[in-house]
């Protein structure tokens, strides 16, 4: 005959197993999808909009090499702004206009977004964005992220500032050649480091995509 202690152990195991089955059953019922991790390397062509200000943006993400590049051009504007981020927390925001080259060096405590940066995001359900049925998540009250249900590619991002990104193309595995990741020499001069020219705000009223994405990583560490 089983002792009282053995009976208690058996009862505890039964209750634990029943609780586990209940949790699995609830998870199966809710069936909430999980956002896809970002590919370790990709190129996305995006159109951005904030309060009617339109721009084209090339996003190059390169996690293995610890770098991220946003190349920004406002509508009908010849000036191109380059926002180059490194995983050591250093970012170079510069222009290559020969008549007035500018550079701002930023130092933050966090690096580029991790591929799984959407981990822990709150699922909001499904919504149509144009012709795409999307799963929608919100991350730390900072960004609402729309992902195509069929392909799991990003379709649209809406930041808390109202800044909206529409993904036009998404090339998994695309890599920008190494020479293009080199910031200009004037970024490494004292003048470049002390330059407080607000070219981030010039590129995008309310902040660039790079600055907003840096904000996500800061929020994650708080």
N, C-alpha and C. Protein backbone atom coordinates (compact mmCIF):
# COMPACT_ATOMS: atom_id res chain seq x y z
N UNK A 1 0.86 -1.19 0.00
CA UNK A 1 0.00 0.00 0.00
C UNK A 1 0.89 1.23 0.00
N UNK A 2 0.53 2.19 -0.81
CA UNK A 2 1.35 3.38 -0.94
C UNK A 2 1.29 4.21 0.33
N UNK A 3 2.41 4.79 0.70
CA UNK A 3 2.46 5.64 1.87
C UNK A 3 1.75 6.96 1.58
N UNK A 4 1.50 7.73 2.65
CA UNK A 4 0.84 9.03 2.48
C UNK A 4 1.70 9.96 1.64
N UNK A 5 3.03 9.89 1.85
CA UNK A 5 3.93 10.75 1.09
C UNK A 5 3.87 10.41 -0.40
N UNK A 6 3.86 9.09 -0.72
CA UNK A 6 3.79 8.67 -2.12
C UNK A 6 2.49 9.12 -2.76
N UNK A 7 1.39 9.04 -2.00
CA UNK A 7 0.11 9.49 -2.52
C UNK A 7 0.13 10.98 -2.81
N UNK A 8 0.76 11.75 -1.93
CA UNK A 8 0.84 13.20 -2.14
C UNK A 8 1.66 13.51 -3.38
N UNK A 9 2.80 12.79 -3.54
CA UNK A 9 3.63 12.99 -4.74
C UNK A 9 2.84 12.67 -6.01
N UNK A 10 2.09 11.54 -5.95
CA UNK A 10 1.31 11.13 -7.12
C UNK A 10 0.26 12.19 -7.46
N UNK A 11 -0.42 12.70 -6.42
CA UNK A 11 -1.44 13.72 -6.63
C UNK A 11 -0.83 14.99 -7.22
N UNK A 12 0.37 15.36 -6.73
CA UNK A 12 1.03 16.56 -7.24
C UNK A 12 1.38 16.40 -8.72
N UNK A 13 1.86 15.20 -9.10
CA UNK A 13 2.21 14.94 -10.49
C UNK A 13 0.96 15.02 -11.37
N UNK A 14 -0.15 14.44 -10.89
CA UNK A 14 -1.40 14.47 -11.66
C UNK A 14 -1.86 15.91 -11.86
N UNK A 15 -1.82 16.70 -10.78
CA UNK A 15 -2.25 18.09 -10.88
C UNK A 15 -1.35 18.89 -11.81
N UNK A 16 -0.03 18.66 -11.72
CA UNK A 16 0.91 19.36 -12.58
C UNK A 16 0.67 19.00 -14.04
N UNK A 17 0.47 17.71 -14.32
CA UNK A 17 0.22 17.27 -15.68
C UNK A 17 -1.08 17.86 -16.21
N UNK A 18 -2.12 17.87 -15.35
CA UNK A 18 -3.40 18.44 -15.77
C UNK A 18 -3.27 19.92 -16.07
N UNK A 19 -2.49 20.63 -15.24
CA UNK A 19 -2.29 22.07 -15.45
C UNK A 19 -1.54 22.32 -16.75
N UNK A 20 -0.53 21.46 -17.02
CA UNK A 20 0.23 21.61 -18.26
C UNK A 20 -0.65 21.38 -19.47
N UNK A 21 -1.52 20.35 -19.39
CA UNK A 21 -2.43 20.08 -20.50
C UNK A 21 -3.38 21.24 -20.71
N UNK A 22 -3.84 21.85 -19.60
CA UNK A 22 -4.75 22.99 -19.69
C UNK A 22 -4.06 24.16 -20.36
N UNK A 23 -2.79 24.41 -20.00
CA UNK A 23 -2.05 25.51 -20.61
C UNK A 23 -1.86 25.27 -22.09
N UNK A 24 -1.50 24.03 -22.46
CA UNK A 24 -1.32 23.71 -23.87
C UNK A 24 -2.63 23.84 -24.62
N UNK A 25 -3.73 23.41 -23.97
CA UNK A 25 -5.04 23.51 -24.60
C UNK A 25 -5.42 24.96 -24.84
N UNK A 26 -5.16 25.82 -23.84
CA UNK A 26 -5.47 27.25 -24.00
C UNK A 26 -4.64 27.87 -25.10
N UNK A 27 -3.35 27.47 -25.19
CA UNK A 27 -2.49 28.01 -26.24
C UNK A 27 -2.99 27.59 -27.61
N UNK A 28 -3.47 26.33 -27.69
CA UNK A 28 -3.99 25.85 -28.96
C UNK A 28 -5.25 26.59 -29.35
N UNK A 29 -6.08 26.92 -28.34
CA UNK A 29 -7.32 27.63 -28.61
C UNK A 29 -7.03 29.05 -29.08
N UNK A 30 -6.15 29.75 -28.37
CA UNK A 30 -5.85 31.13 -28.76
C UNK A 30 -5.11 31.16 -30.09
N UNK A 31 -4.14 30.28 -30.26
CA UNK A 31 -3.44 30.17 -31.54
C UNK A 31 -2.80 31.46 -32.00
N UNK A 32 -2.32 32.28 -31.07
CA UNK A 32 -1.73 33.55 -31.47
C UNK A 32 -0.42 33.33 -32.21
N UNK A 33 -0.27 33.92 -33.39
CA UNK A 33 0.97 33.75 -34.15
C UNK A 33 2.12 34.51 -33.52
N UNK A 34 3.31 34.10 -33.86
CA UNK A 34 4.54 34.74 -33.38
C UNK A 34 5.19 35.44 -34.57
N UNK A 35 5.62 36.70 -34.41
CA UNK A 35 6.24 37.39 -35.55
C UNK A 35 7.52 36.72 -35.99
N UNK A 36 7.75 36.70 -37.29
CA UNK A 36 8.97 36.11 -37.83
C UNK A 36 10.19 36.92 -37.40
N UNK A 37 11.27 36.23 -37.08
CA UNK A 37 12.52 36.94 -36.83
C UNK A 37 13.01 37.56 -38.13
N UNK A 38 13.72 38.67 -38.01
CA UNK A 38 14.31 39.27 -39.19
C UNK A 38 15.39 38.34 -39.76
N UNK A 39 15.47 38.24 -41.09
CA UNK A 39 16.63 37.55 -41.67
C UNK A 39 17.92 38.24 -41.22
N UNK A 40 18.98 37.50 -41.11
CA UNK A 40 20.24 38.10 -40.63
C UNK A 40 20.81 39.12 -41.61
N UNK A 41 20.43 39.01 -42.86
CA UNK A 41 20.85 39.99 -43.87
C UNK A 41 19.70 40.19 -44.85
N UNK A 42 19.36 41.45 -45.09
CA UNK A 42 18.33 41.74 -46.09
C UNK A 42 18.43 43.19 -46.54
N UNK A 43 17.76 43.47 -47.66
CA UNK A 43 17.62 44.83 -48.18
C UNK A 43 16.14 45.09 -48.37
N UNK A 44 15.66 46.21 -47.85
CA UNK A 44 14.27 46.60 -48.02
C UNK A 44 14.20 48.00 -48.63
N UNK A 45 13.40 48.14 -49.67
CA UNK A 45 13.09 49.46 -50.22
C UNK A 45 11.76 49.89 -49.63
N UNK A 46 11.75 51.08 -49.04
CA UNK A 46 10.59 51.52 -48.29
C UNK A 46 10.20 52.93 -48.70
N UNK A 47 8.90 53.20 -48.64
CA UNK A 47 8.39 54.55 -48.77
C UNK A 47 7.86 54.97 -47.41
N UNK A 48 8.28 56.16 -46.99
CA UNK A 48 7.97 56.65 -45.66
C UNK A 48 7.04 57.86 -45.77
N UNK A 49 6.21 58.01 -44.75
CA UNK A 49 5.26 59.13 -44.76
C UNK A 49 5.06 59.62 -43.33
N UNK A 50 5.19 60.92 -43.17
CA UNK A 50 4.82 61.54 -41.90
C UNK A 50 4.19 62.88 -42.19
N UNK A 51 2.91 62.97 -41.90
CA UNK A 51 2.16 64.22 -42.10
C UNK A 51 2.33 64.76 -43.52
N UNK A 52 2.33 63.85 -44.49
CA UNK A 52 2.42 64.27 -45.88
C UNK A 52 3.83 64.43 -46.41
N UNK A 53 4.82 64.34 -45.56
CA UNK A 53 6.22 64.38 -46.01
C UNK A 53 6.62 62.98 -46.45
N UNK A 54 6.94 62.85 -47.75
CA UNK A 54 7.25 61.55 -48.32
C UNK A 54 8.74 61.40 -48.56
N UNK A 55 9.21 60.18 -48.48
CA UNK A 55 10.62 59.91 -48.74
C UNK A 55 10.81 58.46 -49.16
N UNK A 56 11.91 58.23 -49.82
CA UNK A 56 12.33 56.88 -50.18
C UNK A 56 13.47 56.48 -49.26
N UNK A 57 13.45 55.23 -48.83
CA UNK A 57 14.48 54.77 -47.91
C UNK A 57 14.95 53.38 -48.30
N UNK A 58 16.26 53.23 -48.41
CA UNK A 58 16.88 51.92 -48.58
C UNK A 58 17.41 51.46 -47.23
N UNK A 59 16.90 50.34 -46.76
CA UNK A 59 17.35 49.77 -45.49
C UNK A 59 18.18 48.53 -45.77
N UNK A 60 19.43 48.56 -45.33
CA UNK A 60 20.34 47.41 -45.43
C UNK A 60 20.62 46.91 -44.02
N UNK A 61 20.20 45.69 -43.74
CA UNK A 61 20.39 45.11 -42.41
C UNK A 61 21.41 43.98 -42.52
N UNK A 62 22.43 44.04 -41.68
CA UNK A 62 23.53 43.07 -41.75
C UNK A 62 23.93 42.67 -40.33
N UNK A 63 23.18 41.76 -39.75
CA UNK A 63 23.42 41.35 -38.37
C UNK A 63 24.76 40.66 -38.17
N UNK A 64 25.20 39.73 -39.03
CA UNK A 64 26.48 39.05 -38.80
C UNK A 64 27.65 40.02 -38.69
N UNK A 65 27.58 41.13 -39.41
CA UNK A 65 28.66 42.11 -39.37
C UNK A 65 28.36 43.29 -38.45
N UNK A 66 27.25 43.21 -37.72
CA UNK A 66 26.93 44.21 -36.70
C UNK A 66 26.71 45.60 -37.25
N UNK A 67 25.92 45.72 -38.35
CA UNK A 67 25.73 47.03 -38.96
C UNK A 67 24.36 47.13 -39.62
N UNK A 68 23.90 48.36 -39.71
CA UNK A 68 22.59 48.66 -40.29
C UNK A 68 22.70 50.01 -40.99
N UNK A 69 22.10 50.13 -42.18
CA UNK A 69 22.28 51.33 -43.00
C UNK A 69 20.92 51.80 -43.49
N UNK A 70 20.61 53.08 -43.24
CA UNK A 70 19.41 53.72 -43.78
C UNK A 70 19.85 54.82 -44.73
N UNK A 71 19.46 54.71 -45.99
CA UNK A 71 19.80 55.71 -47.00
C UNK A 71 18.50 56.43 -47.38
N UNK A 72 18.44 57.71 -47.09
CA UNK A 72 17.18 58.46 -47.05
C UNK A 72 17.18 59.57 -48.09
N UNK A 73 16.09 59.67 -48.85
CA UNK A 73 15.93 60.77 -49.80
C UNK A 73 14.50 61.27 -49.75
N UNK A 74 14.34 62.56 -49.47
CA UNK A 74 13.02 63.17 -49.46
C UNK A 74 12.49 63.32 -50.87
N UNK A 75 11.18 63.42 -50.99
CA UNK A 75 10.54 63.57 -52.29
C UNK A 75 11.02 64.84 -53.00
N UNK A 76 11.42 64.69 -54.27
CA UNK A 76 11.85 65.81 -55.11
C UNK A 76 13.00 66.59 -54.48
N UNK A 77 13.86 65.90 -53.77
CA UNK A 77 15.02 66.54 -53.13
C UNK A 77 16.27 65.78 -53.56
N UNK A 78 17.27 66.50 -54.04
CA UNK A 78 18.49 65.84 -54.49
C UNK A 78 19.35 65.36 -53.33
N UNK A 79 19.15 65.94 -52.14
CA UNK A 79 20.01 65.62 -51.00
C UNK A 79 19.69 64.23 -50.46
N UNK A 80 20.72 63.43 -50.28
CA UNK A 80 20.58 62.09 -49.71
C UNK A 80 21.25 62.08 -48.34
N UNK A 81 20.57 61.57 -47.34
CA UNK A 81 21.11 61.45 -45.99
C UNK A 81 21.41 59.98 -45.70
N UNK A 82 22.59 59.74 -45.16
CA UNK A 82 23.04 58.38 -44.84
C UNK A 82 23.09 58.22 -43.33
N UNK A 83 22.40 57.21 -42.83
CA UNK A 83 22.36 56.93 -41.39
C UNK A 83 22.94 55.53 -41.19
N UNK A 84 24.19 55.50 -40.79
CA UNK A 84 24.96 54.26 -40.68
C UNK A 84 25.13 53.89 -39.21
N UNK A 85 24.62 52.73 -38.82
CA UNK A 85 24.65 52.30 -37.43
C UNK A 85 25.55 51.07 -37.27
N UNK A 86 26.28 51.06 -36.15
CA UNK A 86 27.13 49.91 -35.83
C UNK A 86 26.70 49.32 -34.49
N UNK A 87 27.00 48.06 -34.30
CA UNK A 87 26.54 47.36 -33.10
C UNK A 87 27.26 47.80 -31.83
N UNK A 88 28.32 48.60 -31.97
CA UNK A 88 29.01 49.12 -30.78
C UNK A 88 28.35 50.38 -30.25
N UNK A 89 27.21 50.77 -30.84
CA UNK A 89 26.49 51.95 -30.37
C UNK A 89 26.85 53.23 -31.08
N UNK A 90 27.74 53.18 -32.05
CA UNK A 90 28.14 54.37 -32.81
C UNK A 90 27.33 54.46 -34.10
N UNK A 91 26.83 55.66 -34.38
CA UNK A 91 26.12 55.91 -35.63
C UNK A 91 26.69 57.14 -36.29
N UNK A 92 26.77 57.11 -37.61
CA UNK A 92 27.21 58.25 -38.41
C UNK A 92 26.03 58.67 -39.29
N UNK A 93 25.62 59.91 -39.14
CA UNK A 93 24.54 60.46 -39.97
C UNK A 93 25.16 61.57 -40.80
N UNK A 94 25.22 61.36 -42.11
CA UNK A 94 26.01 62.28 -42.93
C UNK A 94 25.39 62.47 -44.31
N UNK A 95 25.88 63.51 -44.99
CA UNK A 95 25.57 63.74 -46.39
C UNK A 95 26.87 63.74 -47.17
N UNK A 96 26.75 63.51 -48.47
CA UNK A 96 27.93 63.50 -49.34
C UNK A 96 27.89 64.65 -50.33
N UNK A 97 27.05 65.64 -50.06
CA UNK A 97 26.95 66.81 -50.94
C UNK A 97 28.29 67.53 -50.96
N UNK A 98 28.97 67.62 -52.12
CA UNK A 98 30.30 68.23 -52.15
C UNK A 98 30.30 69.71 -51.79
N UNK A 99 29.17 70.38 -51.98
CA UNK A 99 29.11 71.80 -51.66
C UNK A 99 28.98 72.05 -50.16
N UNK A 100 28.40 71.10 -49.44
CA UNK A 100 28.22 71.28 -47.99
C UNK A 100 28.14 69.91 -47.31
N UNK A 101 29.25 69.20 -47.22
CA UNK A 101 29.24 67.90 -46.55
C UNK A 101 29.02 68.06 -45.05
N UNK A 102 28.19 67.22 -44.49
CA UNK A 102 27.91 67.28 -43.05
C UNK A 102 28.01 65.89 -42.46
N UNK A 103 28.29 65.84 -41.18
CA UNK A 103 28.32 64.56 -40.47
C UNK A 103 28.02 64.79 -39.00
N UNK A 104 27.19 63.93 -38.45
CA UNK A 104 26.92 63.93 -37.02
C UNK A 104 27.22 62.54 -36.49
N UNK A 105 28.02 62.46 -35.46
CA UNK A 105 28.37 61.18 -34.85
C UNK A 105 27.55 61.02 -33.57
N UNK A 106 26.84 59.91 -33.48
CA UNK A 106 25.99 59.65 -32.32
C UNK A 106 26.54 58.45 -31.56
N UNK A 107 26.46 58.53 -30.25
CA UNK A 107 26.88 57.41 -29.40
C UNK A 107 25.72 57.06 -28.47
N UNK A 108 25.23 55.84 -28.57
CA UNK A 108 24.15 55.36 -27.71
C UNK A 108 24.62 54.09 -27.02
N UNK A 109 23.88 53.69 -26.00
CA UNK A 109 24.32 52.55 -25.19
C UNK A 109 23.95 51.21 -25.81
N UNK A 110 23.18 51.24 -26.88
CA UNK A 110 22.73 49.98 -27.49
C UNK A 110 23.15 49.96 -28.94
N UNK A 111 23.21 48.76 -29.50
CA UNK A 111 23.57 48.61 -30.90
C UNK A 111 22.35 48.50 -31.78
N UNK A 112 22.50 47.81 -32.91
CA UNK A 112 21.39 47.68 -33.85
C UNK A 112 20.37 46.68 -33.31
N UNK A 113 19.20 46.69 -33.91
CA UNK A 113 18.16 45.76 -33.50
C UNK A 113 18.60 44.32 -33.71
N UNK A 114 18.26 43.47 -32.74
CA UNK A 114 18.51 42.04 -32.89
C UNK A 114 17.48 41.44 -33.85
N UNK A 115 17.81 40.32 -34.50
CA UNK A 115 16.82 39.69 -35.39
C UNK A 115 15.51 39.34 -34.69
N UNK A 116 15.56 39.06 -33.38
CA UNK A 116 14.35 38.68 -32.64
C UNK A 116 13.79 39.85 -31.84
N UNK A 117 14.00 41.07 -32.32
CA UNK A 117 13.59 42.25 -31.54
C UNK A 117 12.09 42.32 -31.31
N UNK A 118 11.30 41.60 -32.10
CA UNK A 118 9.85 41.60 -31.91
C UNK A 118 9.39 40.60 -30.85
N UNK A 119 10.33 39.86 -30.27
CA UNK A 119 9.97 38.91 -29.21
C UNK A 119 9.25 39.64 -28.07
N UNK A 120 8.13 39.09 -27.65
CA UNK A 120 7.38 39.69 -26.57
C UNK A 120 6.39 40.75 -27.00
N UNK A 121 6.28 40.99 -28.31
CA UNK A 121 5.32 41.97 -28.80
C UNK A 121 3.89 41.48 -28.55
N UNK A 122 2.98 42.42 -28.38
CA UNK A 122 1.57 42.10 -28.10
C UNK A 122 0.81 41.91 -29.41
N UNK A 123 0.17 40.77 -29.53
CA UNK A 123 -0.58 40.48 -30.76
C UNK A 123 -1.91 41.24 -30.75
N UNK A 124 -2.19 41.94 -31.84
CA UNK A 124 -3.41 42.76 -31.93
C UNK A 124 -4.46 42.17 -32.86
N UNK A 125 -4.15 41.06 -33.53
CA UNK A 125 -5.11 40.47 -34.45
C UNK A 125 -4.67 40.62 -35.89
N UNK A 126 -5.64 40.48 -36.80
CA UNK A 126 -5.37 40.58 -38.22
C UNK A 126 -6.05 41.81 -38.82
N UNK A 127 -5.42 42.34 -39.86
CA UNK A 127 -5.95 43.54 -40.51
C UNK A 127 -5.48 43.55 -41.96
N UNK A 128 -6.33 44.02 -42.85
CA UNK A 128 -5.94 44.16 -44.25
C UNK A 128 -5.18 45.48 -44.44
N UNK A 129 -4.05 45.38 -45.11
CA UNK A 129 -3.28 46.56 -45.53
C UNK A 129 -3.20 46.48 -47.05
N UNK A 130 -4.04 47.26 -47.73
CA UNK A 130 -4.12 47.13 -49.17
C UNK A 130 -4.61 45.73 -49.53
N UNK A 131 -3.84 45.03 -50.34
CA UNK A 131 -4.21 43.68 -50.77
C UNK A 131 -3.64 42.59 -49.86
N UNK A 132 -3.02 42.99 -48.76
CA UNK A 132 -2.35 42.02 -47.89
C UNK A 132 -3.14 41.82 -46.60
N UNK A 133 -3.39 40.57 -46.26
CA UNK A 133 -3.91 40.25 -44.94
C UNK A 133 -2.72 40.10 -44.00
N UNK A 134 -2.71 40.89 -42.94
CA UNK A 134 -1.53 40.96 -42.07
C UNK A 134 -1.87 40.56 -40.64
N UNK A 135 -0.92 39.89 -40.00
CA UNK A 135 -0.91 39.81 -38.55
C UNK A 135 -0.28 41.09 -38.01
N UNK A 136 -0.81 41.57 -36.89
CA UNK A 136 -0.40 42.87 -36.37
C UNK A 136 0.05 42.72 -34.92
N UNK A 137 1.21 43.32 -34.61
CA UNK A 137 1.73 43.33 -33.24
C UNK A 137 2.09 44.75 -32.83
N UNK A 138 2.07 44.97 -31.53
CA UNK A 138 2.56 46.24 -30.97
C UNK A 138 3.73 45.94 -30.05
N UNK A 139 4.78 46.74 -30.18
CA UNK A 139 5.98 46.54 -29.36
C UNK A 139 6.19 47.75 -28.47
N UNK A 140 6.13 47.54 -27.16
CA UNK A 140 6.40 48.54 -26.11
C UNK A 140 5.80 49.91 -26.41
N UNK A 141 4.56 49.95 -26.91
CA UNK A 141 3.88 51.22 -27.20
C UNK A 141 4.70 52.11 -28.13
N UNK A 142 5.58 51.50 -28.90
CA UNK A 142 6.53 52.28 -29.69
C UNK A 142 6.29 52.10 -31.18
N UNK A 143 5.90 50.89 -31.59
CA UNK A 143 5.73 50.59 -33.00
C UNK A 143 4.62 49.54 -33.16
N UNK A 144 3.82 49.71 -34.21
CA UNK A 144 2.85 48.70 -34.62
C UNK A 144 3.38 48.09 -35.91
N UNK A 145 3.48 46.78 -35.92
CA UNK A 145 4.20 46.04 -36.97
C UNK A 145 3.23 45.13 -37.70
N UNK A 146 3.17 45.27 -39.03
CA UNK A 146 2.25 44.50 -39.87
C UNK A 146 3.06 43.50 -40.70
N UNK A 147 2.68 42.23 -40.62
CA UNK A 147 3.40 41.16 -41.32
C UNK A 147 2.42 40.36 -42.19
N UNK A 148 2.77 40.15 -43.44
CA UNK A 148 1.93 39.39 -44.36
C UNK A 148 1.71 37.97 -43.83
N UNK A 149 0.45 37.56 -43.74
CA UNK A 149 0.12 36.24 -43.20
C UNK A 149 0.72 35.13 -44.06
N UNK A 150 0.70 35.28 -45.37
CA UNK A 150 1.14 34.21 -46.27
C UNK A 150 2.67 34.09 -46.34
N UNK A 151 3.34 35.21 -46.56
CA UNK A 151 4.80 35.16 -46.78
C UNK A 151 5.60 35.47 -45.53
N UNK A 152 4.95 36.07 -44.51
CA UNK A 152 5.59 36.48 -43.26
C UNK A 152 6.62 37.59 -43.49
N UNK A 153 6.49 38.29 -44.60
CA UNK A 153 7.34 39.46 -44.84
C UNK A 153 6.71 40.69 -44.21
N UNK A 154 7.52 41.65 -43.75
CA UNK A 154 6.95 42.90 -43.23
C UNK A 154 6.27 43.68 -44.34
N UNK A 155 5.16 44.30 -44.02
CA UNK A 155 4.38 45.08 -44.98
C UNK A 155 4.35 46.56 -44.60
N UNK A 156 4.20 46.83 -43.31
CA UNK A 156 4.00 48.22 -42.87
C UNK A 156 4.40 48.33 -41.41
N UNK A 157 4.99 49.50 -41.05
CA UNK A 157 5.29 49.82 -39.66
C UNK A 157 4.71 51.19 -39.35
N UNK A 158 4.13 51.33 -38.18
CA UNK A 158 3.63 52.64 -37.74
C UNK A 158 4.26 52.94 -36.39
N UNK A 159 5.04 54.02 -36.31
CA UNK A 159 5.70 54.41 -35.07
C UNK A 159 4.78 55.31 -34.25
N UNK A 160 5.10 55.43 -32.96
CA UNK A 160 4.27 56.22 -32.05
C UNK A 160 4.20 57.68 -32.47
N UNK A 161 5.17 58.15 -33.25
CA UNK A 161 5.18 59.54 -33.72
C UNK A 161 4.22 59.77 -34.88
N UNK A 162 3.66 58.68 -35.42
CA UNK A 162 2.84 58.78 -36.63
C UNK A 162 3.62 58.51 -37.89
N UNK A 163 4.93 58.34 -37.76
CA UNK A 163 5.81 58.04 -38.88
C UNK A 163 5.49 56.64 -39.39
N UNK A 164 5.16 56.52 -40.68
CA UNK A 164 4.70 55.26 -41.25
C UNK A 164 5.65 54.79 -42.34
N UNK A 165 5.98 53.51 -42.30
CA UNK A 165 6.87 52.90 -43.29
C UNK A 165 6.09 51.85 -44.08
N UNK A 166 6.13 51.96 -45.41
CA UNK A 166 5.51 50.98 -46.29
C UNK A 166 6.63 50.21 -47.00
N UNK A 167 6.66 48.90 -46.83
CA UNK A 167 7.72 48.08 -47.41
C UNK A 167 7.34 47.74 -48.85
N UNK A 168 8.17 48.17 -49.80
CA UNK A 168 7.90 47.94 -51.22
C UNK A 168 8.57 46.66 -51.72
N UNK A 169 9.83 46.46 -51.35
CA UNK A 169 10.53 45.22 -51.70
C UNK A 169 11.28 44.73 -50.47
N UNK A 170 11.48 43.42 -50.39
CA UNK A 170 12.16 42.82 -49.24
C UNK A 170 13.01 41.66 -49.76
N UNK A 171 14.32 41.91 -49.87
CA UNK A 171 15.24 40.95 -50.46
C UNK A 171 16.04 40.24 -49.36
N UNK A 172 15.66 39.03 -49.06
CA UNK A 172 16.35 38.25 -48.04
C UNK A 172 17.72 37.82 -48.57
N UNK A 173 18.76 38.03 -47.77
CA UNK A 173 20.11 37.62 -48.13
C UNK A 173 20.89 38.65 -48.91
N UNK A 174 20.26 39.76 -49.29
CA UNK A 174 20.97 40.80 -50.03
C UNK A 174 21.97 41.50 -49.11
N UNK A 175 23.18 41.74 -49.63
CA UNK A 175 24.26 42.34 -48.83
C UNK A 175 24.87 43.50 -49.60
N UNK A 176 25.01 44.63 -48.93
CA UNK A 176 25.68 45.79 -49.51
C UNK A 176 27.19 45.59 -49.40
N UNK A 177 27.90 45.87 -50.48
CA UNK A 177 29.34 45.63 -50.50
C UNK A 177 30.06 46.48 -49.45
N UNK A 178 31.14 45.92 -48.91
CA UNK A 178 31.85 46.52 -47.78
C UNK A 178 32.26 47.98 -48.00
N UNK A 179 32.79 48.38 -49.17
CA UNK A 179 33.23 49.78 -49.31
C UNK A 179 32.12 50.80 -49.07
N UNK A 180 30.86 50.40 -49.27
CA UNK A 180 29.74 51.32 -49.08
C UNK A 180 29.43 51.58 -47.61
N UNK A 181 30.03 50.79 -46.73
CA UNK A 181 29.78 50.97 -45.29
C UNK A 181 30.79 51.92 -44.64
N UNK A 182 31.68 52.48 -45.40
CA UNK A 182 32.70 53.35 -44.84
C UNK A 182 32.18 54.79 -44.76
N UNK A 183 32.10 55.33 -43.56
CA UNK A 183 31.70 56.73 -43.40
C UNK A 183 32.80 57.63 -43.96
N UNK A 184 32.45 58.83 -44.45
CA UNK A 184 33.47 59.72 -45.02
C UNK A 184 34.47 60.18 -43.97
N UNK A 185 35.63 60.59 -44.45
CA UNK A 185 36.74 60.92 -43.56
C UNK A 185 36.40 62.07 -42.63
N UNK A 186 35.55 63.01 -43.10
CA UNK A 186 35.25 64.17 -42.24
C UNK A 186 34.39 63.79 -41.04
N UNK A 187 33.84 62.58 -41.01
CA UNK A 187 33.12 62.13 -39.81
C UNK A 187 34.08 61.85 -38.65
N UNK A 188 35.35 61.66 -38.97
CA UNK A 188 36.32 61.30 -37.94
C UNK A 188 37.18 62.48 -37.49
N UNK A 189 36.88 63.66 -38.01
CA UNK A 189 37.57 64.87 -37.56
C UNK A 189 36.84 65.43 -36.35
N UNK A 190 37.51 66.30 -35.63
CA UNK A 190 36.88 66.91 -34.46
C UNK A 190 35.66 67.72 -34.87
N UNK A 191 35.75 68.37 -36.03
CA UNK A 191 34.61 69.15 -36.49
C UNK A 191 33.41 68.25 -36.74
N UNK A 192 33.68 67.08 -37.32
CA UNK A 192 32.59 66.16 -37.59
C UNK A 192 31.94 65.66 -36.32
N UNK A 193 32.76 65.35 -35.31
CA UNK A 193 32.22 64.82 -34.07
C UNK A 193 31.43 65.88 -33.30
N UNK A 194 31.81 67.14 -33.45
CA UNK A 194 31.16 68.19 -32.70
C UNK A 194 30.03 68.85 -33.48
N UNK A 195 29.80 68.38 -34.68
CA UNK A 195 28.76 68.96 -35.51
C UNK A 195 27.39 68.65 -34.92
N UNK A 196 26.64 69.68 -34.53
CA UNK A 196 25.32 69.50 -33.96
C UNK A 196 24.22 69.84 -34.96
N UNK A 197 24.58 69.89 -36.24
CA UNK A 197 23.59 70.18 -37.27
C UNK A 197 22.47 69.15 -37.22
N UNK A 198 21.20 69.61 -37.14
CA UNK A 198 20.09 68.67 -36.96
C UNK A 198 19.71 67.98 -38.26
N UNK A 199 20.63 67.28 -38.89
CA UNK A 199 20.32 66.68 -40.18
C UNK A 199 19.39 65.49 -40.04
N UNK A 200 19.30 64.91 -38.84
CA UNK A 200 18.30 63.87 -38.63
C UNK A 200 16.90 64.46 -38.78
N UNK A 201 16.69 65.63 -38.20
CA UNK A 201 15.38 66.25 -38.30
C UNK A 201 15.14 66.78 -39.69
N UNK A 202 16.21 67.19 -40.38
CA UNK A 202 16.06 67.65 -41.75
C UNK A 202 15.64 66.50 -42.66
N UNK A 203 16.22 65.33 -42.42
CA UNK A 203 15.90 64.18 -43.27
C UNK A 203 14.46 63.75 -43.09
N UNK A 204 14.00 63.71 -41.86
CA UNK A 204 12.63 63.31 -41.57
C UNK A 204 12.11 64.14 -40.41
N UNK A 205 11.12 65.00 -40.62
CA UNK A 205 10.54 65.70 -39.50
C UNK A 205 10.05 64.70 -38.46
N UNK A 206 10.51 64.87 -37.22
CA UNK A 206 10.13 63.95 -36.17
C UNK A 206 11.12 62.83 -35.95
N UNK A 207 12.18 62.79 -36.74
CA UNK A 207 13.20 61.77 -36.55
C UNK A 207 13.28 60.83 -37.72
N UNK A 208 14.47 60.30 -37.97
CA UNK A 208 14.67 59.36 -39.07
C UNK A 208 14.27 57.96 -38.64
N UNK A 209 14.19 57.05 -39.62
CA UNK A 209 13.91 55.65 -39.28
C UNK A 209 14.99 55.12 -38.35
N UNK A 210 16.25 55.47 -38.63
CA UNK A 210 17.33 54.99 -37.78
C UNK A 210 17.17 55.45 -36.34
N UNK A 211 16.83 56.72 -36.15
CA UNK A 211 16.68 57.22 -34.78
C UNK A 211 15.51 56.56 -34.08
N UNK A 212 14.42 56.29 -34.82
CA UNK A 212 13.27 55.63 -34.21
C UNK A 212 13.59 54.18 -33.86
N UNK A 213 14.31 53.50 -34.75
CA UNK A 213 14.68 52.12 -34.46
C UNK A 213 15.66 52.04 -33.29
N UNK A 214 16.54 53.04 -33.19
CA UNK A 214 17.42 53.09 -32.01
C UNK A 214 16.59 53.26 -30.75
N UNK A 215 15.49 54.00 -30.87
CA UNK A 215 14.61 54.18 -29.72
C UNK A 215 14.02 52.88 -29.23
N UNK A 216 13.74 51.96 -30.15
CA UNK A 216 13.21 50.66 -29.75
C UNK A 216 14.22 49.91 -28.89
N UNK A 217 15.47 49.90 -29.32
CA UNK A 217 16.49 49.18 -28.57
C UNK A 217 16.72 49.81 -27.21
N UNK A 218 16.59 51.13 -27.12
CA UNK A 218 16.72 51.80 -25.82
C UNK A 218 15.58 51.38 -24.91
N UNK A 219 14.35 51.36 -25.44
CA UNK A 219 13.20 50.95 -24.65
C UNK A 219 13.38 49.52 -24.13
N UNK A 220 13.96 48.65 -24.93
CA UNK A 220 14.12 47.26 -24.51
C UNK A 220 15.06 47.10 -23.33
N UNK A 221 15.96 48.06 -23.14
CA UNK A 221 16.93 47.97 -22.05
C UNK A 221 16.44 48.65 -20.79
N UNK A 222 15.29 49.31 -20.86
CA UNK A 222 14.80 50.07 -19.70
C UNK A 222 14.04 49.15 -18.75
